[in-house]
Protein backbone atom coordinates (compact mmCIF):
# COMPACT_ATOMS: atom_id res chain seq x y z
CA UNK A 1 0.09 0.15 0.21
CA UNK A 2 1.69 3.42 -1.39
CA UNK A 3 1.46 6.52 1.33
CA UNK A 4 0.69 9.93 -0.57
CA UNK A 5 2.65 12.70 1.74
CA UNK A 6 1.12 16.64 -0.05
CA UNK A 7 2.78 19.52 1.71
CA UNK A 8 1.07 22.39 2.19
CA UNK A 9 2.05 25.33 0.45
CA UNK A 10 3.99 28.00 1.99
CA UNK A 11 2.69 31.17 2.98
CA UNK A 12 4.81 33.86 3.76
CA UNK A 13 2.94 35.38 6.71
CA UNK A 14 6.34 38.12 7.39
CA UNK A 15 5.52 39.58 4.05
CA UNK A 16 1.63 39.74 4.27
CA UNK A 17 1.96 41.39 7.69
CA UNK A 18 3.73 44.32 6.60
CA UNK A 19 1.75 45.07 3.82
CA UNK A 20 -1.56 45.45 5.87
CA UNK A 21 0.80 47.27 8.56
CA UNK A 22 1.46 49.76 4.89
CA UNK A 23 -1.53 49.31 4.15
CA UNK A 24 -3.03 51.00 7.38
CA UNK A 25 -0.97 53.29 7.62
CA UNK A 26 -1.66 54.69 4.43
CA UNK A 27 -5.10 54.37 6.01
CA UNK A 28 -4.60 56.13 8.59
CA UNK A 29 -2.68 59.15 7.17
CA UNK A 30 -5.70 59.68 4.71
CA UNK A 31 -7.91 59.84 7.68
CA UNK A 32 -5.42 62.67 9.43
CA UNK A 33 -5.48 64.21 6.47
CA UNK A 34 -8.63 64.26 6.17
CA UNK A 35 -9.68 66.01 9.52
CA UNK A 36 -6.70 68.36 9.49
CA UNK A 37 -8.92 69.45 6.23
CA UNK A 38 -12.63 69.78 8.38
CA UNK A 39 -10.62 71.46 11.56
CA UNK A 40 -9.05 74.46 8.96
CA UNK A 41 -12.20 74.43 7.81
CA UNK A 42 -14.49 74.97 10.60
CA UNK A 43 -12.02 77.26 12.58
CA UNK A 44 -11.65 79.80 9.10
CA UNK A 45 -15.47 79.65 9.22
CA UNK A 46 -15.79 80.68 13.06
CA UNK A 47 -13.52 83.66 12.42
CA UNK A 48 -15.41 84.29 9.85
CA UNK A 49 -18.32 84.40 12.36
CA UNK A 50 -16.67 86.30 14.53
CA UNK A 51 -14.72 88.97 12.38
CA UNK A 52 -17.90 89.71 10.10
CA UNK A 53 -21.44 88.09 11.09
CA UNK A 54 -22.18 90.47 13.68
CA UNK A 55 -25.81 89.36 13.26
CA UNK A 56 -25.18 85.96 14.73
CA UNK A 57 -23.38 87.15 17.54
CA UNK A 58 -26.99 89.15 18.27
CA UNK A 59 -29.01 86.49 18.10
CA UNK A 60 -26.55 84.52 20.44
CA UNK A 61 -26.24 87.00 23.28
CA UNK A 62 -29.90 88.00 22.71
CA UNK A 63 -31.07 84.75 23.61
CA UNK A 64 -29.60 85.25 27.16
CA UNK A 65 -31.13 88.33 28.00
CA UNK A 66 -33.11 88.58 31.11
CA UNK A 67 -36.86 88.80 30.86
CA UNK A 68 -35.90 91.11 33.49
CA UNK A 69 -32.59 93.44 34.64
CA UNK A 70 -30.38 92.10 37.64
CA UNK A 71 -29.96 94.43 40.49
CA UNK A 72 -26.96 94.79 41.46
CA UNK A 73 -25.08 97.10 44.81
CA UNK A 74 -21.65 98.95 42.94
CA UNK A 75 -19.37 95.88 43.73
CA UNK A 76 -21.30 93.95 41.15
CA UNK A 77 -22.69 91.51 44.09
CA UNK A 78 -26.30 90.76 42.80
CA UNK A 79 -29.61 92.09 44.55
CA UNK A 80 -32.30 91.06 42.36
CA UNK A 81 -32.37 89.52 39.42
CA UNK A 82 -35.00 87.24 37.28
CA UNK A 83 -35.14 83.28 37.22
CA UNK A 84 -37.25 80.57 36.33
CA UNK A 85 -39.26 79.31 39.17
CA UNK A 86 -40.71 76.10 39.85
CA UNK A 87 -44.46 76.47 41.05
CA UNK A 88 -46.37 74.25 42.94
CA UNK A 89 -50.39 74.38 41.42
CA UNK A 90 -53.41 71.89 42.73
CA UNK A 91 -56.36 71.95 39.80
CA UNK A 92 -59.13 70.80 42.59
CA UNK A 93 -61.42 68.78 40.03
CA UNK A 94 -58.35 66.47 38.81
CA UNK A 95 -57.19 65.21 42.46
CA UNK A 96 -58.14 61.42 43.47
CA UNK A 97 -56.94 61.19 46.68
CA UNK A 98 -58.87 62.16 49.72
CA UNK A 99 -58.49 65.97 50.76
CA UNK A 100 -57.48 65.85 54.30
CA UNK A 101 -54.93 63.12 53.68
CA UNK A 102 -53.37 65.36 50.50
CA UNK A 103 -53.97 68.19 53.02
CA UNK A 104 -52.19 66.00 56.19
CA UNK A 105 -49.01 65.60 53.96
CA UNK A 106 -48.62 69.19 51.85
CA UNK A 107 -48.88 69.92 56.03
CA UNK A 108 -45.80 68.01 56.25
CA UNK A 109 -43.76 69.15 53.39
CA UNK A 110 -45.27 73.19 54.42
CA UNK A 111 -45.55 73.21 58.09
CA UNK A 112 -45.59 76.99 58.01
CA UNK A 113 -49.10 77.17 56.22
CA UNK A 114 -51.69 75.33 58.53
CA UNK A 115 -53.63 72.06 57.62
CA UNK A 116 -56.83 74.30 57.29
CA UNK A 117 -55.52 76.56 55.25
CA UNK A 118 -54.52 73.57 52.26
CA UNK A 119 -58.05 72.09 52.80
CA UNK A 120 -59.24 75.05 51.96
CA UNK A 121 -56.73 75.44 48.48
CA UNK A 122 -57.56 71.90 48.22
CA UNK A 123 -61.09 72.28 47.80
CA UNK A 124 -61.58 75.10 46.54
CA UNK A 125 -63.52 76.15 42.96
CA UNK A 126 -60.76 76.68 40.65
CA UNK A 127 -57.31 76.24 40.79
CA UNK A 128 -54.93 77.85 43.00
CA UNK A 129 -50.80 78.25 43.84
CA UNK A 130 -50.05 75.69 46.25
CA UNK A 131 -46.54 77.28 46.68
CA UNK A 132 -44.54 80.12 44.05
CA UNK A 133 -41.49 79.93 43.92
CA UNK A 134 -40.48 76.26 45.07
CA UNK A 135 -37.75 74.99 46.77
CA UNK A 136 -37.00 71.80 44.51
CA UNK A 137 -36.84 69.43 47.32
CA UNK A 138 -40.88 70.10 47.81
CA UNK A 139 -41.52 69.89 44.38
CA UNK A 140 -39.94 66.24 44.65
CA UNK A 141 -41.84 65.67 47.56
CA UNK A 142 -44.98 67.19 46.68
CA UNK A 143 -44.33 64.98 43.18
CA UNK A 144 -44.11 61.81 44.98
CA UNK A 145 -47.77 61.74 46.78
CA UNK A 146 -48.45 60.76 43.62
CA UNK A 147 -51.96 62.92 42.77
CA UNK A 148 -53.03 64.21 39.27
CA UNK A 149 -54.31 67.42 40.46
CA UNK A 150 -51.01 68.54 41.16
CA UNK A 151 -48.80 70.58 38.18
CA UNK A 152 -45.57 72.31 38.41
CA UNK A 153 -45.56 75.15 36.31
CA UNK A 154 -42.27 76.95 35.01
CA UNK A 155 -42.80 81.00 36.00
CA UNK A 156 -40.53 84.07 35.57
CA UNK A 157 -39.82 84.71 39.24
CA UNK A 158 -38.10 87.73 41.18
CA UNK A 159 -35.17 86.47 43.67
CA UNK A 160 -34.00 88.26 46.40
CA UNK A 161 -30.55 86.49 47.32
CA UNK A 162 -29.58 88.55 50.22
CA UNK A 163 -32.73 88.11 51.79
CA UNK A 164 -33.87 91.41 53.99
CA UNK A 165 -30.70 93.03 53.19
CA UNK A 166 -31.72 96.71 51.57
CA UNK A 167 -35.07 95.44 51.49
CA UNK A 168 -36.93 98.99 51.82
CA UNK A 169 -34.16 99.82 48.78
CA UNK A 170 -34.97 97.21 46.20
CA UNK A 171 -38.72 97.03 47.04
CA UNK A 172 -40.35 94.39 45.43
CA UNK A 173 -42.08 93.96 41.88
CA UNK A 174 -46.40 92.28 41.60
CA UNK A 175 -47.59 88.96 40.39
CA UNK A 176 -47.48 90.30 36.63
CA UNK A 177 -43.36 91.09 36.81
CA UNK A 178 -43.35 94.52 37.47
CA UNK A 179 -42.07 97.06 40.44
CA UNK A 180 -44.20 98.00 42.84
CA UNK A 181 -42.02 99.82 45.50
CA UNK A 182 -38.15 100.76 45.98
CA UNK A 183 -35.63 100.58 43.04
CA UNK A 184 -37.85 97.82 41.85
CA UNK A 185 -40.59 100.89 40.99
CA UNK A 186 -38.37 103.73 41.27
CA UNK A 187 -36.27 102.13 37.39
CA UNK A 188 -39.06 99.39 36.27
CA UNK A 189 -39.49 100.77 32.92
CA UNK A 190 -35.18 100.42 32.28
CA UNK A 191 -34.96 96.93 34.07
CA UNK A 192 -37.81 95.57 31.97
CA UNK A 193 -36.86 97.49 28.74
CA UNK A 194 -35.29 95.37 25.83
CA UNK A 195 -32.49 97.77 25.31
CA UNK A 196 -31.53 97.91 28.74
CA UNK A 197 -32.24 94.60 30.50
CA UNK A 198 -29.57 92.94 29.42
CA UNK A 199 -27.31 95.09 31.49
CA UNK A 200 -27.53 94.69 35.61
CA UNK A 201 -28.83 98.66 37.31
CA UNK A 202 -25.33 99.19 39.12
CA UNK A 203 -26.72 100.78 42.23
CA UNK A 204 -24.90 103.19 44.96
CA UNK A 205 -25.29 100.50 47.90
CA UNK A 206 -22.07 98.55 49.76
CA UNK A 207 -23.56 95.29 50.41
CA UNK A 208 -20.83 94.90 52.77
CA UNK A 209 -21.58 98.41 54.91
CA UNK A 210 -25.10 97.62 54.17
CA UNK A 211 -24.94 94.65 56.26
CA UNK A 212 -23.26 96.60 58.44
CA UNK A 213 -25.63 98.90 59.40
CA UNK A 214 -28.50 96.63 59.75
CA UNK A 215 -27.23 94.62 62.14
CA UNK A 216 -25.37 97.16 64.35
CA UNK A 217 -28.99 98.95 64.13
CA UNK A 218 -31.33 96.09 64.64
CA UNK A 219 -29.28 95.06 67.27
CA UNK A 220 -29.83 98.46 68.93
CA UNK A 221 -33.89 98.17 68.65
CA UNK A 222 -33.61 95.02 70.06
CA UNK A 223 -31.68 95.84 72.66
CA UNK A 224 -33.62 99.10 73.82
CA UNK A 225 -36.58 97.58 73.01
CA UNK A 226 -37.25 100.10 70.41
CA UNK A 227 -40.40 99.90 67.60
CA UNK A 228 -38.20 100.50 65.43
CA UNK A 229 -35.55 102.68 63.72
CA UNK A 230 -33.74 103.86 60.33
CA UNK A 231 -30.29 104.78 59.19
CA UNK A 232 -28.65 106.26 56.10
CA UNK A 233 -24.61 106.49 55.66
CA UNK A 234 -24.12 109.33 52.63
CA UNK A 235 -21.50 110.41 50.54
CA UNK A 236 -20.75 113.96 51.33
CA UNK A 237 -19.22 114.93 48.06
CA UNK A 238 -21.22 113.18 45.56
CA UNK A 239 -25.26 112.41 47.48
CA UNK A 240 -24.18 108.57 46.86
CA UNK A 241 -26.35 106.44 48.94
CA UNK A 242 -23.75 104.01 50.65
CA UNK A 243 -26.41 101.85 53.37
CA UNK A 244 -29.96 102.72 53.89
CA UNK A 245 -31.96 100.78 56.41
CA UNK A 246 -35.69 100.94 57.50
CA UNK A 247 -36.75 98.96 61.21
CA UNK A 248 -38.53 96.83 61.33
CA UNK A 249 -38.32 95.13 57.48
CA UNK A 250 -39.07 91.79 56.10
CA UNK A 251 -38.23 89.80 53.33
CA UNK A 252 -39.55 90.60 49.45
CA UNK A 253 -38.85 86.86 49.08
CA UNK A 254 -42.41 86.51 51.05
CA UNK A 255 -44.56 89.39 50.94
CA UNK A 256 -47.37 86.52 51.67
CA UNK A 257 -48.75 87.02 55.21
CA UNK A 258 -46.07 89.81 56.18
CA UNK A 259 -46.84 92.57 57.93
CA UNK A 260 -47.61 95.72 55.04
CA UNK A 261 -46.27 97.98 58.01
CA UNK A 262 -43.27 96.50 57.89
CA UNK A 263 -42.75 97.43 54.12
CA UNK A 264 -43.01 101.32 54.74
CA UNK A 265 -39.04 102.99 54.73
CA UNK A 266 -38.64 104.94 57.19
CA UNK A 267 -35.12 106.58 56.05
CA UNK A 268 -37.40 107.97 52.70
CA UNK A 269 -41.65 108.19 54.04
CA UNK A 270 -41.81 108.82 57.81
CA UNK A 271 -41.76 112.00 58.96
CA UNK A 272 -39.62 113.04 62.42
CA UNK A 273 -39.23 115.82 65.13
CA UNK A 274 -35.17 115.38 64.72
CA UNK A 275 -35.03 117.50 67.81
CA UNK A 276 -31.29 118.95 68.83
CA UNK A 277 -29.75 117.76 65.38
CA UNK A 278 -31.23 120.62 64.27
CA UNK A 279 -29.16 123.03 65.98
CA UNK A 280 -25.89 122.61 64.49
CA UNK A 281 -27.86 123.82 61.23
CA UNK A 282 -29.56 127.22 62.88
CA UNK A 283 -26.37 128.09 64.46
CA UNK A 284 -24.26 128.02 61.10
CA UNK A 285 -26.80 129.92 59.75
CA UNK A 286 -26.48 132.31 62.52
CA UNK A 287 -22.65 132.01 61.68
CA UNK A 288 -23.01 132.70 57.32
CA UNK A 289 -25.64 135.68 58.22
CA UNK A 290 -22.89 137.16 60.25
CA UNK A 291 -25.29 137.41 63.71
CA UNK A 292 -22.43 135.19 65.19
CA UNK A 293 -18.93 137.17 64.99
CA UNK A 294 -17.59 135.51 67.89
CA UNK A 295 -17.57 132.37 69.22
CA UNK A 296 -16.87 133.78 72.73
CA UNK A 297 -20.84 135.16 73.22
CA UNK A 298 -22.62 134.40 75.73
CA UNK A 299 -26.22 133.45 75.22
CA UNK A 300 -28.38 133.47 78.76
CA UNK A 301 -30.01 130.19 79.65
CA UNK A 302 -30.03 130.25 83.35
CA UNK A 303 -33.44 129.96 83.21
CA UNK A 304 -36.73 128.41 81.18
CA UNK A 305 -37.24 131.80 78.15
CA UNK A 306 -40.75 132.86 77.91
CA UNK A 307 -42.41 133.16 75.00
CA UNK A 308 -45.71 133.85 73.92
CA UNK A 309 -47.46 132.20 76.88
CA UNK A 310 -44.91 128.90 77.50
CA UNK A 311 -41.43 128.32 77.92
CA UNK A 312 -38.42 126.91 76.27
CA UNK A 313 -36.51 124.61 78.63
CA UNK A 314 -33.59 122.56 78.54
CA UNK A 315 -33.79 119.16 79.70
CA UNK A 316 -30.47 120.14 82.54
CA UNK A 317 -30.38 123.83 84.51
CA UNK A 318 -28.64 125.41 82.26
CA UNK A 319 -26.22 129.01 83.05
CA UNK A 320 -24.45 131.78 79.99
CA UNK A 321 -23.15 129.93 77.38
CA UNK A 322 -21.05 130.64 74.41
CA UNK A 323 -21.17 129.39 71.10
CA UNK A 324 -19.71 125.93 71.23
CA UNK A 325 -21.26 125.52 74.89
CA UNK A 326 -24.98 125.94 73.53
CA UNK A 327 -23.89 122.86 70.94
CA UNK A 328 -21.40 120.65 72.94
CA UNK A 329 -24.35 121.23 76.41
CA UNK A 330 -27.30 121.22 74.10
CA UNK A 331 -29.52 124.06 74.58
CA UNK A 332 -32.36 124.76 73.54
CA UNK A 333 -32.77 128.08 74.95
CA UNK A 334 -29.65 129.54 74.06
CA UNK A 335 -30.10 128.28 70.33
CA UNK A 336 -33.28 130.12 70.59
CA UNK A 337 -31.94 133.18 71.45
CA UNK A 338 -29.67 132.84 68.67
CA UNK A 339 -32.69 132.01 65.78
CA UNK A 340 -34.53 134.87 67.62
CA UNK A 341 -31.64 137.59 66.67
CA UNK A 342 -31.14 136.10 63.34
CA UNK A 343 -34.55 136.45 61.93
CA UNK A 344 -36.72 134.61 60.70
CA UNK A 345 -36.29 135.31 57.02
CA UNK A 346 -32.71 133.73 56.96
CA UNK A 347 -33.49 130.44 59.11
CA UNK A 348 -36.19 130.05 56.76
CA UNK A 349 -34.54 130.53 53.84
CA UNK A 350 -31.72 127.99 54.78
CA UNK A 351 -34.40 125.63 55.31
CA UNK A 352 -35.78 126.17 52.11
CA UNK A 353 -32.14 126.02 50.62
CA UNK A 354 -32.05 122.06 52.17
CA UNK A 355 -35.73 121.27 50.94
CA UNK A 356 -36.57 120.87 53.93
CA UNK A 357 -40.36 122.20 52.52
CA UNK A 358 -39.79 119.44 49.89
CA UNK A 359 -40.37 115.42 50.06
CA UNK A 360 -36.60 114.45 49.98
CA UNK A 361 -34.64 114.30 46.74
CA UNK A 362 -34.08 110.68 45.83
CA UNK A 363 -35.58 108.43 42.69
CA UNK A 364 -37.49 106.82 44.80
CA UNK A 365 -41.42 106.39 44.75
CA UNK A 366 -41.96 106.17 48.61
CA UNK A 367 -40.73 109.93 49.52
CA UNK A 368 -42.46 112.14 52.39
CA UNK A 369 -43.42 115.66 52.27
CA UNK A 370 -42.50 117.68 55.47
CA UNK A 371 -44.30 119.22 57.76
CA UNK A 372 -44.13 122.61 57.18
CA UNK A 373 -44.93 125.25 59.46
CA UNK A 374 -48.49 126.74 58.50
CA UNK A 375 -47.64 130.43 60.18
CA UNK A 376 -43.80 131.45 60.19
CA UNK A 377 -43.68 134.07 63.16
CA UNK A 378 -40.64 134.42 65.79
CA UNK A 379 -42.22 131.64 67.77
CA UNK A 380 -42.15 129.00 65.41
CA UNK A 381 -38.17 131.00 64.42
CA UNK A 382 -37.49 130.12 67.42
CA UNK A 383 -38.52 126.32 68.69
CA UNK A 384 -37.56 124.84 64.51
CA UNK A 385 -33.97 125.94 65.71
CA UNK A 386 -33.89 123.40 67.82
CA UNK A 387 -35.97 121.14 66.11
CA UNK A 388 -39.68 121.45 66.98
CA UNK A 389 -42.42 122.54 64.93
CA UNK A 390 -41.03 120.78 61.39
CA UNK A 391 -40.84 117.51 60.59
CA UNK A 392 -38.87 115.87 57.84
CA UNK A 393 -37.66 112.76 57.29
CA UNK A 394 -34.09 111.05 58.31
CA UNK A 395 -32.97 111.07 54.76
CA UNK A 396 -33.20 115.54 54.77
CA UNK A 397 -31.23 115.25 57.73
CA UNK A 398 -28.65 113.61 56.69
CA UNK A 399 -28.72 115.70 53.03
CA UNK A 400 -28.51 118.97 55.39
CA UNK A 401 -25.50 117.01 57.17
CA UNK A 402 -23.61 116.71 54.33
CA UNK A 403 -23.85 119.94 52.80
CA UNK A 404 -23.06 121.68 56.59
CA UNK A 405 -19.66 119.32 56.22
CA UNK A 406 -19.12 119.28 52.43
CA UNK A 407 -17.90 122.90 52.02
CA UNK A 408 -21.89 124.40 51.62
CA UNK A 409 -22.59 122.63 48.73
CA UNK A 410 -26.28 120.70 48.78
CA UNK A 411 -26.43 117.69 46.63
CA UNK A 412 -29.46 115.69 46.61
CA UNK A 413 -28.83 112.18 47.07
CA UNK A 414 -29.11 108.98 44.93
CA UNK A 415 -29.00 105.26 44.58
CA UNK A 416 -27.24 104.91 41.91
CA UNK A 417 -23.88 104.23 41.09
CA UNK A 418 -21.62 107.49 39.50
CA UNK A 419 -19.17 105.48 38.82
CA UNK A 420 -16.90 107.58 36.56
CA UNK A 421 -19.78 110.55 36.31
CA UNK A 422 -19.35 113.41 37.51
CA UNK A 423 -21.22 114.48 40.67
CA UNK A 424 -24.06 117.22 40.30
CA UNK A 425 -22.50 120.25 40.41
CA UNK A 426 -24.33 120.91 43.96
CA UNK A 427 -25.39 124.46 45.31
CA UNK A 428 -23.76 126.54 47.78
CA UNK A 429 -26.28 126.62 50.70
CA UNK A 430 -23.18 127.75 53.65
CA UNK A 431 -19.97 129.29 53.35
CA UNK A 432 -16.98 127.15 52.85
CA UNK A 433 -15.28 129.27 56.00
CA UNK A 434 -19.22 128.27 58.13
CA UNK A 435 -18.71 124.82 56.93
CA UNK A 436 -14.78 124.56 58.40
CA UNK A 437 -16.19 126.15 61.83
CA UNK A 438 -19.21 123.51 61.79
CA UNK A 439 -16.72 120.70 61.24
CA UNK A 440 -15.07 122.16 64.08
CA UNK A 441 -18.12 122.43 66.61
CA UNK A 442 -19.32 118.80 65.96
CA UNK A 443 -15.89 117.27 66.43
CA UNK A 444 -16.12 118.80 70.06
CA UNK A 445 -19.11 118.13 70.74
CA UNK A 446 -18.48 114.31 70.49
CA UNK A 447 -14.98 114.44 72.19
CA UNK A 448 -16.16 117.15 75.03
CA UNK A 449 -20.07 117.07 74.99
CA UNK A 450 -23.56 114.88 74.06
CA UNK A 451 -21.93 112.70 71.87
CA UNK A 452 -19.00 110.78 73.50
CA UNK A 453 -20.22 107.26 72.78
CA UNK A 454 -20.29 108.27 69.26
CA UNK A 455 -16.52 108.67 69.45
CA UNK A 456 -14.43 105.89 67.08
CA UNK A 457 -11.49 106.06 68.05
CA UNK A 458 -9.02 107.07 65.28
CA UNK A 459 -11.69 108.21 62.62
CA UNK A 460 -12.71 111.81 64.32
CA UNK A 461 -16.05 111.62 64.36
CA UNK A 462 -18.23 114.71 64.82
CA UNK A 463 -21.68 114.86 65.27
CA UNK A 464 -25.12 116.05 67.32
CA UNK A 465 -27.50 114.32 69.72
CA UNK A 466 -30.94 114.73 68.55
CA UNK A 467 -33.76 113.66 71.74
CA UNK A 468 -37.21 114.18 70.53
CA UNK A 469 -40.59 113.79 72.13
CA UNK A 470 -42.90 112.65 70.07
CA UNK A 471 -46.27 114.89 69.33
CA UNK A 472 -49.81 113.24 70.63
CA UNK A 473 -53.38 114.07 71.08
CA UNK A 474 -53.15 116.70 73.60
CA UNK A 475 -49.28 117.89 73.58
CA UNK A 476 -46.00 116.29 72.98
CA UNK A 477 -45.53 112.62 74.78
CA UNK A 478 -42.73 112.71 77.72
CA UNK A 479 -42.42 109.05 77.61
CA UNK A 480 -42.02 108.58 73.42
CA UNK A 481 -38.57 110.16 72.39
CA UNK A 482 -36.95 109.84 68.76
CA UNK A 483 -33.52 109.25 69.47
CA UNK A 484 -30.76 110.65 66.84
CA UNK A 485 -27.03 111.44 66.03
CA UNK A 486 -26.30 113.01 63.30
CA UNK A 487 -22.56 112.26 62.48
CA UNK A 488 -19.78 112.50 59.63
CA UNK A 489 -16.01 110.87 59.20
CA UNK A 490 -13.59 111.58 59.16
CA UNK A 491 -14.17 115.20 60.39
CA UNK A 492 -10.84 116.86 59.44
CA UNK A 493 -11.24 115.97 55.77
CA UNK A 494 -15.39 114.55 55.75
CA UNK A 495 -16.46 111.44 53.23
CA UNK A 496 -19.83 110.29 55.06
CA UNK A 497 -22.42 111.37 56.70
CA UNK A 498 -24.18 108.83 58.72
CA UNK A 499 -27.51 108.75 60.63
CA UNK A 500 -28.87 106.97 63.22
CA UNK A 501 -32.53 107.05 64.57
CA UNK A 502 -34.27 105.30 67.14
CA UNK A 503 -38.08 105.53 66.99
CA UNK A 504 -39.35 104.93 70.90
CA UNK A 505 -36.08 103.06 73.34
CA UNK A 506 -36.34 101.99 76.05
CA UNK A 507 -34.01 103.36 79.23
CA UNK A 508 -32.60 99.83 80.67
CA UNK A 509 -29.95 97.54 81.14
CA UNK A 510 -28.87 98.17 78.30
CA UNK A 511 -28.60 101.78 78.20
CA UNK A 512 -27.75 102.28 81.48
CA UNK A 513 -31.47 103.68 81.41
CA UNK A 514 -31.10 106.37 79.91
CA UNK A 515 -33.03 107.37 76.84
CA UNK A 516 -31.30 110.31 75.06
CA UNK A 517 -29.63 109.68 71.91
CA UNK A 518 -26.27 110.11 73.72
CA UNK A 519 -26.47 106.73 75.54
CA UNK A 520 -29.09 105.03 72.76
CA UNK A 521 -28.12 106.47 69.32
CA UNK A 522 -24.58 107.08 69.66
CA UNK A 523 -23.09 104.32 71.03
CA UNK A 524 -24.80 102.82 67.17
CA UNK A 525 -22.78 105.08 65.55
CA UNK A 526 -19.52 104.29 66.81
CA UNK A 527 -19.94 100.88 66.35
CA UNK A 528 -20.66 101.33 62.75
CA UNK A 529 -18.01 103.84 61.95
CA UNK A 530 -15.78 101.43 63.68
CA UNK A 531 -16.55 98.51 61.40
CA UNK A 532 -17.62 100.38 57.74
CA UNK A 533 -14.98 102.93 58.21
CA UNK A 534 -12.43 100.60 56.39
CA UNK A 535 -14.38 99.19 53.85
CA UNK A 536 -15.43 102.85 52.55
CA UNK A 537 -11.61 103.18 52.57
CA UNK A 538 -12.08 105.78 55.71
CA UNK A 539 -8.81 103.72 57.82
CA UNK A 540 -8.19 105.09 61.72
CA UNK A 541 -5.17 107.23 62.03
CA UNK A 542 -4.41 107.99 65.32
CA UNK A 543 -2.43 110.99 64.53
CA UNK A 544 -5.28 113.21 63.07
CA UNK A 545 -7.63 115.19 64.31
CA UNK A 546 -9.62 118.52 63.88
CA UNK A 547 -7.87 121.17 65.09
CA UNK A 548 -10.06 122.90 67.85
CA UNK A 549 -6.98 124.23 69.92
CA UNK A 550 -8.48 127.90 69.22
CA UNK A 551 -12.39 126.04 70.87
CA UNK A 552 -11.03 124.42 73.78
CA UNK A 553 -10.59 126.81 76.10
CA UNK A 554 -13.74 128.98 75.81
CA UNK A 555 -15.25 125.27 77.27
CA UNK A 556 -15.96 125.56 80.53
CA UNK A 557 -15.60 122.33 82.06
CA UNK A 558 -18.68 121.18 84.07
CA UNK A 559 -18.36 117.32 83.99
CA UNK A 560 -22.24 117.54 86.24
CA UNK A 561 -24.25 119.23 83.80
CA UNK A 562 -22.36 116.81 81.14
C-alpha cells in the first residue's frame, strides 16, 4: 500500500503582515489629512463669524438677555435677579385622593401653612397655587404624593438672594413682574426695556456696609426694646447712598403673610421732629449771616425762656453759654436766643435751600412731604431752630449735614452708582468758612459733649445728638422719644454722613437706664463707623484730628452738667 504525503503551500506570513501594516498606515494618514482639512474649514468659518457676521452674534447674545434686568450693588454683588422657578399648583377637580389625606401630606412638606389653609386650597372651586417659587425638594416631595391634581408650572420669578438685606431700597415686584416699590418701582421701565435689561442696574449701595448698618441698628433696636429705627450712610461729595435701612424690615421673597407696615421706608417716608440735630444747622445759618461773629459771646440759658404764653426749657439746669457750649450742652434756650437774633427770613431760607419744604431728593417713589410750619412767626423761628415744630425725614437730615460739612454745597441723594460720572455740581447753602467752623464744633460735641459715645478712635467722628418727644393728642408725649445721632467722619476731611434714628427706645440696662440719643443712638454710630469705615476706604489714624485749639479754651469744664 502506497502512502501519499501532500505538503501544504508555504505562506509568507511576514510579507503579508508588512503589507497589512503599510495599508493601515496609508489609511490612517488619509484620515488624519481629512480631519485636519475639516478642522481648518471649521476654524476658518468660526473666524469669519467672529470678524464679519455681527448679526448672528447678536442673536446668540440676545438669547441670554433676562426678562428683567438684575440689580447689583456698587461692587457687582447681585441684589435682585429674575430666575426660572417651579411653582406648585393644585387643580381640585383633578384630584384623586382624599382631600384630608392630601392636606396632611402637604402640611408635612409646608409646616408654615396650616392644615385648614391647605384644605381650603384643595377644596376650592378653581385652580390655585400651593407655593410660588418652590424649592426643588418641595417640588419633588409633592410630586412623590402621586396625585394628578398637582402640576408644577415653570414661571419667571424675581429672586432677592440677600433676603432682607436692603429690602426697603430694593422694593418688590407684583405677580405681573412689574416693580411696585423701591428701586424695582422707581426704575421699572429701565429694568424691563429690551435695550437696557441686558445690563445690570448698579446701585450706589455697598452690600457689606449695608450689612453692618443693618446688624448694628437691628441689635440696638432689639436691646432697647424700641418700636423701630432708621439709618443711612451718605457720601458727602456725591450724594451716593452707601447704605440705607429701615426697621422693622421684611423679606421681599416672602410677601404673603408679612405685615404690610414693615414695608414702609422710615428713611424716606416717615416724618419726625428730629430735635437738637437741627441746632448745628441753625447756628451755621447765624454764622453765615453774620449774626454770630464771636464764638465767645454768651447767651443766657440760666432760666426758662418765656415766649408767647409758654416757656422754652432745657433738659438740665443751665447758665450763660457761648456758642461752642451751646452745642456741647445742647441748650434749647441759647439756640432759640441765637435764632431770635438771626430772624425769620435767613432761617426759613436755609431750611428751604435744604429742601425741608419738599420731598427728599432721591429716585424712590416713597418720599414724604415734610410738615412745614403754616405760620412762620417769631415763636416758629425759635422752636424750629432746635428741631421742634417742623418734621422731616432722616434722609432730609442726611443731605443737610452733608452740605454742612462738605464745604457748603447741597446735592440731592442718589441710589445709583455714579462710577466715572461727575457728581452733580451742587448748590451753595453755607459759606466754605462756615462749613469749616461747623466741622470744628461738631467734632467738639463728640470729644467734649453729649456725643462722647459716638467717638470711634482714629476716625475723627463729629456729630450732634437729638432727643425729641413725639407729638400726640393734647401735646408732646414725654415718655415717647425719637433719639437721633447725626454724624460725619473723618471731620478733618469729611467723606460720609451717618444718621442713626431709634424710635421710642426704652431706658433699660443696655442704655444704663437712659433713653436719650447720647446713650442709645450715639453708640450705634461708633460701632458702624468702626466696622464700615475701612470698607469705605477710611482707615483709623490716631495721629490726625480736627484743630480745635482756638475753641477749647472757651469751654467751661462742668462734668456734672455733661
